[in-house]
Amino acid sequence: MTTLTITRPDDWHLHLRDGDMLRAVLPETARHFGRAIIMPNLVPPVVTAADAADYRDRIMAAKPDNSKFQPLMTLYLTEETEVKDLRAAAEIGLIHAVKLYPAGATTNSASGVKDFTKVKRVLENMAQIGLPLCVHGEVTDPDIDIFDREAVFIDRVLDPIRRDIPGLRVVMEHITTSQGADYAREGGDDLGATITTHHLVINRNHILAGGIKPHYYCLPVAKREEHRLALRKAATSGDKSFFLGTDSAPHTDANKLLPCGCAGCFTATNTMSILAEVFEQEAALDKLEAFASLNGPAFYRMEQNQDTITLTRGDPVAYPDHIATAQGPVTVFDPQMPLHWRVT
């Protein structure tokens, strides 16, 4: 196969930041993707309908000319989230999901939830109206090893919430473990899971072996090789439970290389080439459309995009090493393999 035409893909987990960074990185996503679920962890976070409307307007103003890209807005769940405001935002189509960050789990998550009993009424209302909860699925207890935080979160937090609030629609975002894949696969129609591009490519050796590689450091952190292989199996299976959420997260090199550097991999630029390479390696190119273009809209109860993109196989593609921003360069994720597929 040398060409592959698929429905235009969507990104169901994306960080765009704001200001100069937003203007620099948005074109990298808008080039190939029709829509994206936009993460609300700005400083300060997007916690009200008014915040979401203002942020959407800034994104729309930053879009490249003639781009049809659509940002799908979310609210940042806090222990003070007001049900009335959330329901009103959902009813007018302003927001498409609510994001749960356990407090301290990742970048700009300090305003997240500490006491889950304080958000039960919000979650019950979300179940009533069918509004998805996007979950950063890690516990933050200091006594839990960082490589175990996802599996423990499923047992201690996610499964009890889903049992306590039947009908709550949940997206397990950026799963990184075989336990996450198994739980999503068996969770029924109300549970889905996004998988990032970089977690299909790297394991924890890429971060730590032969010296620390800050540009591969992300949260949730990459795990053992057995988990990477489980994610590949899930993503390339065609199973409707799994869909693409890149978690593309731009940080300047200066912030990545600090003594306490930021977590995140910036993959917006070359995601589709990487995915085609991975799916080809797994003899599953026929499943790429389901993962990147079909399963996500189905879970979110939205129509799939009406246009298509075509990937062509040829000589390795040369992507830029960095994206220039007014704040400094942002390193583009390096998959450490030739990429033979390009969007044409």
Foldseek 3Di string as FASTA:
>chain_A
DFKDKFFQFEAAAEEQAADLSNLQCVVLQLVGHQEYEYDQLYVVGAAFLVSLVVRQVRNVVSDDPPGNHHYAYEHEDALPRDLVRVVVCVVVRSHQAYEADAAPQAPSRPRHYPDVVSCLVNQLSCLVVVREYEYLQFDDPPVDPLQCGNVVSVVPPVVVSCVVRPRHAYEDEQDAFLSVLVCLLPVPLSYAYEHALLSLQDACCVQPPPHGDLQQFAPSHHHDPVRSVSVLCSLLVLRLRYAHHHQQDWDAPVQSPPPPHHHHHHASNCRVLSLCVSCVVVVRNVSNNSHGWNSVCVSSVHDTHPDMWMKGFDFFDDDDQWGQTPVHTTGHDDSVDTRGIDTD
